[in-house]
Protein backbone atom coordinates (compact mmCIF):
# COMPACT_ATOMS: atom_id res chain seq x y z
CA MET A 1 -61.05 51.68 -67.08
CA LEU A 2 -60.38 47.96 -67.25
CA ASP A 3 -60.85 47.62 -63.49
CA LYS A 4 -64.25 49.31 -63.69
CA MET A 5 -65.31 47.04 -66.57
CA LEU A 6 -64.23 43.94 -64.66
CA GLY A 7 -66.00 45.18 -61.54
CA ALA A 8 -69.21 45.82 -63.47
CA LEU A 9 -68.95 42.40 -65.11
CA GLY A 10 -68.47 40.73 -61.73
CA THR A 11 -71.43 42.59 -60.28
CA ALA A 12 -73.59 41.56 -63.23
CA LEU A 13 -72.56 37.91 -62.87
CA LEU A 14 -73.37 37.94 -59.15
CA PHE A 15 -76.72 39.53 -59.91
CA LEU A 16 -77.49 36.82 -62.49
CA LEU A 17 -76.46 34.12 -60.00
CA MET A 18 -78.77 35.70 -57.43
CA LEU A 19 -81.67 35.63 -59.88
CA ALA A 20 -80.92 32.03 -60.83
CA GLY A 21 -80.75 31.05 -57.16
CA TRP A 22 -84.08 32.64 -56.33
CA ALA A 23 -85.60 30.97 -59.40
CA LEU A 24 -84.51 27.58 -58.05
CA VAL A 25 -85.90 28.44 -54.62
CA ALA A 26 -89.21 29.52 -56.18
CA GLN A 27 -89.34 26.26 -58.14
CA SER A 28 -88.73 24.27 -54.95
CA VAL A 29 -91.44 26.16 -53.05
CA ALA A 30 -93.86 25.70 -55.95
CA GLY A 31 -93.25 21.95 -55.89
CA TYR A 32 -93.74 21.88 -52.11
CA THR A 33 -97.05 23.77 -52.27
CA GLY A 34 -98.29 21.53 -55.09
CA SER A 35 -98.41 24.15 -57.81
CA ALA A 36 -99.81 22.89 -61.10
CA CYS A 37 -96.67 23.86 -63.04
CA CYS A 38 -94.32 22.08 -60.61
CA SER A 39 -96.49 19.30 -59.17
CA SER A 40 -94.19 16.62 -60.63
CA ILE A 41 -91.18 17.74 -58.54
CA ASP A 42 -90.44 15.10 -55.92
CA LYS A 43 -89.04 15.58 -52.43
CA GLN A 44 -85.42 15.06 -53.49
CA ALA A 45 -85.66 17.67 -56.25
CA GLN A 46 -87.32 20.13 -53.85
CA VAL A 47 -84.53 19.84 -51.29
CA TRP A 48 -81.70 20.06 -53.83
CA SER A 49 -83.30 23.00 -55.66
CA ALA A 50 -83.64 24.91 -52.38
CA ILE A 51 -80.08 24.11 -51.24
CA VAL A 52 -78.43 24.99 -54.56
CA GLY A 53 -80.62 28.07 -54.89
CA PHE A 54 -79.62 29.48 -51.51
CA VAL A 55 -75.96 28.69 -52.17
CA LEU A 56 -76.22 30.82 -55.31
CA CYS A 57 -78.23 33.71 -53.88
CA GLY A 58 -77.75 33.70 -50.10
CA TYR A 59 -74.66 35.87 -49.88
CA GLN A 60 -75.74 38.43 -52.46
CA THR A 61 -79.21 38.77 -50.93
CA PHE A 62 -78.50 38.93 -47.20
CA TYR A 63 -74.84 39.68 -46.57
CA TRP A 64 -73.38 41.64 -49.51
CA SER A 65 -73.91 45.37 -48.96
CA GLU A 66 -73.10 46.14 -52.60
CA THR A 67 -75.79 43.88 -54.03
CA PRO A 68 -77.67 45.47 -56.97
CA VAL A 69 -80.93 45.14 -55.05
CA ALA A 70 -79.50 47.15 -52.11
CA LEU A 71 -77.99 49.72 -54.44
CA LEU A 72 -81.28 50.07 -56.30
CA ARG A 73 -83.18 50.49 -53.05
CA ARG A 74 -80.78 53.16 -51.77
CA SER A 75 -80.60 55.12 -55.01
CA ALA A 76 -83.91 54.80 -56.85
CA LEU A 77 -86.62 53.92 -54.33
CA PRO A 78 -86.48 56.32 -51.36
CA SER A 79 -89.11 58.67 -52.74
CA GLN A 80 -91.31 56.17 -54.56
CA TRP A 81 -94.45 54.37 -53.51
CA LEU A 82 -92.77 50.98 -53.94
CA ASP A 83 -90.35 51.79 -51.15
CA ARG A 84 -93.22 52.68 -48.82
CA ILE A 85 -94.95 49.40 -49.62
CA LEU A 86 -91.77 47.39 -49.03
CA THR A 87 -91.04 49.26 -45.81
CA GLY A 88 -94.58 48.74 -44.49
CA ALA A 89 -94.61 45.04 -45.40
CA GLY A 90 -91.19 44.57 -43.81
CA ALA A 91 -92.30 46.30 -40.62
CA LEU A 92 -95.43 44.13 -40.44
CA ILE A 93 -93.45 40.92 -40.95
CA LYS A 94 -90.87 42.04 -38.41
CA LYS A 95 -93.53 42.79 -35.81
CA GLY A 96 -95.20 39.42 -36.30
CA TYR A 97 -91.88 37.58 -36.20
CA ARG A 98 -90.90 39.40 -33.01
CA HIS A 99 -94.03 38.07 -31.28
CA ILE A 100 -93.38 34.54 -32.56
CA PHE A 101 -89.71 34.82 -31.56
CA HIS A 102 -90.49 35.70 -27.94
CA ALA A 103 -93.43 33.28 -27.69
CA VAL A 104 -91.18 30.40 -28.76
CA ASP A 105 -88.56 31.61 -26.29
CA VAL A 106 -91.04 31.27 -23.44
CA LEU A 107 -92.47 27.95 -24.67
CA PHE A 108 -89.01 26.48 -25.13
CA CYS A 109 -87.67 27.46 -21.70
CA ILE A 110 -90.84 26.53 -19.81
CA GLY A 111 -91.76 23.52 -21.96
CA GLY A 112 -88.44 21.73 -21.46
CA PRO A 113 -88.90 21.09 -17.72
CA MET A 114 -92.56 20.22 -18.33
CA LEU A 115 -91.52 17.58 -20.88
CA VAL A 116 -89.14 16.09 -18.33
CA VAL A 117 -91.90 15.91 -15.71
CA THR A 118 -94.46 14.36 -18.08
CA ALA A 119 -91.87 11.82 -19.30
CA LEU A 120 -91.15 10.78 -15.70
CA VAL A 121 -94.89 10.42 -15.07
CA GLY A 122 -95.21 8.34 -18.23
CA TRP A 123 -92.35 6.10 -17.13
CA TRP A 124 -94.08 5.64 -13.77
CA MET A 125 -97.55 4.90 -15.21
CA LEU A 126 -96.88 3.21 -18.58
CA ASP A 127 -95.24 -0.18 -18.92
CA GLU A 128 -94.16 0.60 -22.50
CA VAL A 129 -91.83 3.39 -21.37
CA ASN A 130 -88.80 1.61 -19.94
CA GLY A 131 -85.74 3.12 -18.31
CA SER A 132 -83.46 3.11 -21.38
CA VAL A 133 -86.06 4.80 -23.56
CA LEU A 134 -86.67 7.40 -20.85
CA LEU A 135 -82.93 8.07 -20.47
CA LEU A 136 -82.54 8.48 -24.22
CA TYR A 137 -85.45 10.94 -24.26
CA LEU A 138 -84.08 12.98 -21.35
CA LEU A 139 -80.63 13.17 -22.96
CA LEU A 140 -82.17 14.40 -26.21
CA ILE A 141 -84.12 17.07 -24.35
CA ALA A 142 -80.95 18.16 -22.52
CA ILE A 143 -78.86 18.41 -25.71
CA ILE A 144 -81.60 20.23 -27.64
CA GLY A 145 -82.16 22.49 -24.63
CA VAL A 146 -78.51 23.56 -24.32
CA ILE A 147 -78.08 24.11 -28.07
CA GLY A 148 -81.49 25.76 -28.45
CA ILE A 149 -80.72 28.34 -25.80
CA TYR A 150 -77.95 29.64 -28.07
CA ASN A 151 -79.55 28.97 -31.46
CA ASN A 152 -82.96 30.29 -32.44
CA LEU A 153 -83.29 27.90 -35.41
CA VAL A 154 -82.98 24.85 -33.13
CA ARG A 155 -85.30 26.49 -30.62
CA MET A 156 -88.08 27.12 -33.12
CA LEU A 157 -87.76 23.79 -34.93
CA ALA A 158 -87.80 21.79 -31.69
CA THR A 159 -90.86 23.65 -30.40
CA GLY A 160 -92.73 23.35 -33.69
CA TYR A 161 -91.76 19.70 -34.15
CA PHE A 162 -93.08 18.63 -30.76
CA ASN A 163 -96.27 20.66 -31.01
CA GLY A 164 -96.81 19.43 -34.56
CA TYR A 165 -96.70 15.81 -33.42
CA TRP A 166 -98.90 16.72 -30.48
CA LEU A 167 -101.59 18.21 -32.74
CA VAL A 168 -101.76 15.22 -35.10
CA ASP A 169 -101.73 12.63 -32.33
CA ASP A 170 -104.94 10.66 -31.89
CA ASP A 171 -105.08 11.26 -28.16
CA MET A 172 -103.58 14.68 -27.50
CA LEU A 173 -103.89 14.45 -23.72
CA SER A 174 -101.72 11.34 -23.47
CA TYR A 175 -99.08 12.32 -26.04
CA PRO A 176 -96.60 13.97 -23.62
CA PHE A 177 -96.50 10.73 -21.60
CA PHE A 178 -95.91 8.59 -24.71
CA ALA A 179 -93.42 11.07 -26.21
CA PRO A 180 -90.33 9.00 -25.25
CA LEU A 181 -91.67 6.09 -27.32
CA ARG A 182 -92.33 8.37 -30.29
CA VAL A 183 -88.81 9.80 -30.08
CA HIS A 184 -87.33 6.30 -29.88
CA GLY A 185 -89.34 5.31 -32.94
CA ASN A 186 -88.09 8.35 -34.88
CA ILE A 187 -84.50 7.45 -34.05
CA ASN A 188 -85.11 3.98 -35.43
CA ILE A 189 -86.52 5.49 -38.62
CA VAL A 190 -83.34 7.55 -39.05
CA GLY A 191 -81.39 4.30 -39.09
CA LEU A 192 -79.75 4.25 -35.67
CA ASP A 193 -81.65 1.16 -34.55
CA SER A 194 -78.67 -1.02 -35.48
CA LEU A 195 -76.48 0.91 -33.01
CA PRO A 196 -76.57 -0.64 -29.52
CA LEU A 197 -78.55 1.59 -27.18
CA PRO A 198 -75.85 1.70 -24.44
CA TRP A 199 -73.31 3.06 -26.94
CA LEU A 200 -75.86 5.57 -28.19
CA LEU A 201 -76.57 6.72 -24.64
CA ALA A 202 -72.87 6.99 -23.84
CA GLY A 203 -72.22 8.99 -27.02
CA MET A 204 -75.11 11.36 -26.33
CA SER A 205 -73.95 11.86 -22.74
CA LEU A 206 -70.47 12.74 -23.95
CA LEU A 207 -71.98 15.09 -26.53
CA LEU A 208 -74.01 16.82 -23.83
CA VAL A 209 -70.90 17.37 -21.70
CA VAL A 210 -68.95 18.71 -24.68
CA VAL A 211 -71.77 21.05 -25.70
CA PHE A 212 -72.17 22.34 -22.16
CA ILE A 213 -68.44 23.01 -21.75
CA PHE A 214 -68.27 24.56 -25.21
CA PHE A 215 -70.95 27.10 -24.34
CA SER A 216 -69.56 27.90 -20.89
CA ARG A 217 -67.17 30.80 -21.26
CA GLN A 218 -65.50 30.00 -17.96
CA LYS A 219 -64.36 26.57 -19.15
CA SER A 220 -64.62 26.77 -22.92
CA PRO A 221 -61.52 26.52 -25.11
CA LEU A 222 -63.04 29.47 -26.95
CA SER A 223 -62.60 31.82 -24.00
CA ARG A 224 -61.07 35.21 -24.54
CA SER A 225 -57.48 34.20 -23.83
CA TYR A 226 -57.63 31.29 -26.23
CA THR A 227 -59.39 33.40 -28.84
CA LYS A 228 -56.62 36.02 -28.67
CA ILE A 229 -53.96 33.36 -29.15
CA VAL A 230 -55.76 31.80 -32.11
CA ASN A 231 -56.40 35.17 -33.74
CA ALA A 232 -52.76 36.17 -33.26
CA GLY A 233 -51.69 32.91 -34.89
CA PHE A 234 -53.92 33.46 -37.90
CA ILE A 235 -52.70 37.05 -38.27
CA TYR A 236 -49.08 35.90 -38.12
CA LEU A 237 -49.65 33.18 -40.72
CA SER A 238 -51.57 35.49 -43.04
CA LYS A 239 -48.65 37.94 -43.15
CA ILE A 240 -46.42 35.31 -44.76
CA PRO A 241 -47.26 35.16 -48.50
CA GLN A 242 -46.14 31.57 -48.94
CA ARG A 243 -48.11 30.40 -45.95
CA LYS A 244 -51.18 32.31 -47.10
CA LEU A 245 -51.00 30.80 -50.59
CA MET A 246 -50.47 27.33 -49.17
CA ALA A 247 -53.38 27.79 -46.76
CA ASN A 248 -55.67 28.88 -49.61
CA LEU A 249 -54.62 25.90 -51.73
CA LEU A 250 -55.16 23.55 -48.80
CA LEU A 251 -58.60 25.05 -48.16
CA LEU A 252 -59.49 24.66 -51.85
CA ILE A 253 -58.40 21.01 -51.83
CA ILE A 254 -60.43 20.35 -48.67
CA LEU A 255 -63.51 21.94 -50.23
CA LEU A 256 -63.16 19.93 -53.42
CA LEU A 257 -62.69 16.67 -51.52
CA SER A 258 -65.68 17.41 -49.28
CA ILE A 259 -68.12 17.88 -52.17
CA LEU A 260 -68.71 14.16 -52.76
CA PRO A 261 -69.20 13.22 -49.06
CA LEU A 262 -71.46 16.25 -48.66
CA VAL A 263 -73.62 15.22 -51.61
CA MET A 264 -73.84 11.64 -50.31
CA SER A 265 -74.77 12.89 -46.83
CA VAL A 266 -77.51 15.16 -48.19
CA ASN A 267 -78.90 12.32 -50.33
CA TRP A 268 -79.04 10.12 -47.21
CA LEU A 269 -80.66 12.85 -45.12
CA ILE A 270 -83.31 13.54 -47.76
CA LEU A 271 -84.75 10.07 -47.14
CA VAL A 272 -85.38 10.82 -43.46
CA ILE A 273 -85.81 14.59 -43.47
CA ASN A 274 -89.18 16.11 -42.64
CA ILE A 275 -89.97 18.30 -45.63
CA HIS A 276 -92.15 20.62 -43.54
CA CYS A 277 -89.30 21.21 -41.05
CA PHE A 278 -86.94 21.75 -43.98
CA PHE A 279 -88.94 24.62 -45.44
CA ALA A 280 -89.68 25.99 -41.97
CA ALA A 281 -85.92 26.07 -41.34
CA ILE A 282 -85.43 28.03 -44.57
CA VAL A 283 -88.01 30.63 -43.52
CA ILE A 284 -86.51 30.91 -40.02
CA TRP A 285 -83.01 31.28 -41.46
CA ILE A 286 -84.15 34.10 -43.76
CA LEU A 287 -85.90 35.98 -40.95
CA ASP A 288 -83.01 35.39 -38.55
CA SER A 289 -80.61 36.80 -41.13
CA LEU A 290 -82.60 40.02 -41.02
CA TRP A 291 -83.56 40.49 -37.36
CA SER A 292 -82.31 37.74 -35.03
CA GLN A 293 -79.42 39.77 -33.61
CA GLU A 294 -81.77 42.64 -32.85
CA PHE A 295 -84.29 40.38 -31.07
CA GLU A 296 -81.57 38.63 -29.06
CA LYS A 297 -80.73 41.96 -27.40
CA GLU A 298 -84.24 42.23 -25.96
CA PRO A 299 -85.12 40.66 -22.57
CA ALA A 300 -85.63 36.92 -22.98
CA LEU A 301 -85.55 33.75 -20.91
CA CYS A 302 -82.89 32.18 -23.11
CA GLY A 303 -80.67 35.16 -22.42
CA ASP A 304 -81.02 34.49 -18.70
CA CYS A 305 -80.15 30.82 -19.28
CA ARG A 306 -77.08 31.82 -21.28
CA TYR A 307 -76.01 34.02 -18.39
CA LEU A 308 -76.47 31.06 -16.03
CA PHE A 309 -74.40 28.75 -18.24
CA SER A 310 -71.65 31.32 -18.76
CA GLY A 311 -70.63 31.30 -15.13
CA ASP A 312 -70.32 35.10 -15.01
CA TRP A 313 -72.54 35.09 -11.93
CA ARG A 314 -69.84 33.32 -9.94
CA PRO A 315 -68.06 35.52 -7.37
């Protein structure tokens, strides 16, 4: 009896946290859209409200199968008109997102080489685009390209970010040729202008190599043999009560110590973050939580690129 009461109390608390989280998210969105009741909310409050809100409600909403909303839908809604409305709206959103998902897949895989070509033409024709700026731009495209092939959030944000700048540019036809200068200017805005450009280029080159090796199953330390060894080690350690308790305490200490640096990092990022990309990332994350795995199984160019990077085609 006591176990059932504690379970019900825990479920109720999680449900209240979920409601509180979605209330914070709604407040953040209202401030972003300029609602009259929340027009005084600044950019920093919008970002923090959204982050804290999703921390409170993300798990219960998208990943916990015993959430009260899921239980209510399974038990009380199957034969009601509300369920039909929710099902129809979900199917419509899913269909639209599927088209956007595959359109971005094509634009991302075809647009990357086109950006490289236009940047080389710009370097050839424009005196403002020098060799170091061009190299920085090409390295950024390469890193975003490799990561974006595996991550839909990066893929969509990169495509939308470039096309967004393209649409607001005064001379749309010349923007792809001047894009390296715009990227270099954005890096300076972030605060990396004080870092010598050769060190930045060397660091980005090393990052590209690491990312490429990490995603190549033939050379990655996360290959199957290594994964089996790591999993066996974790299973062995978890069977020892003292080690498990010590590991949990160590994890708790690490989390507590990381709160302050995390808050400072977010406060620094808020100054340079694009608020439109921030809310777009939230929407993409929500939709990916629902359907991304299903869409990834369908034929796509990024899937072909992942197969190329994996090395499975080698004899």
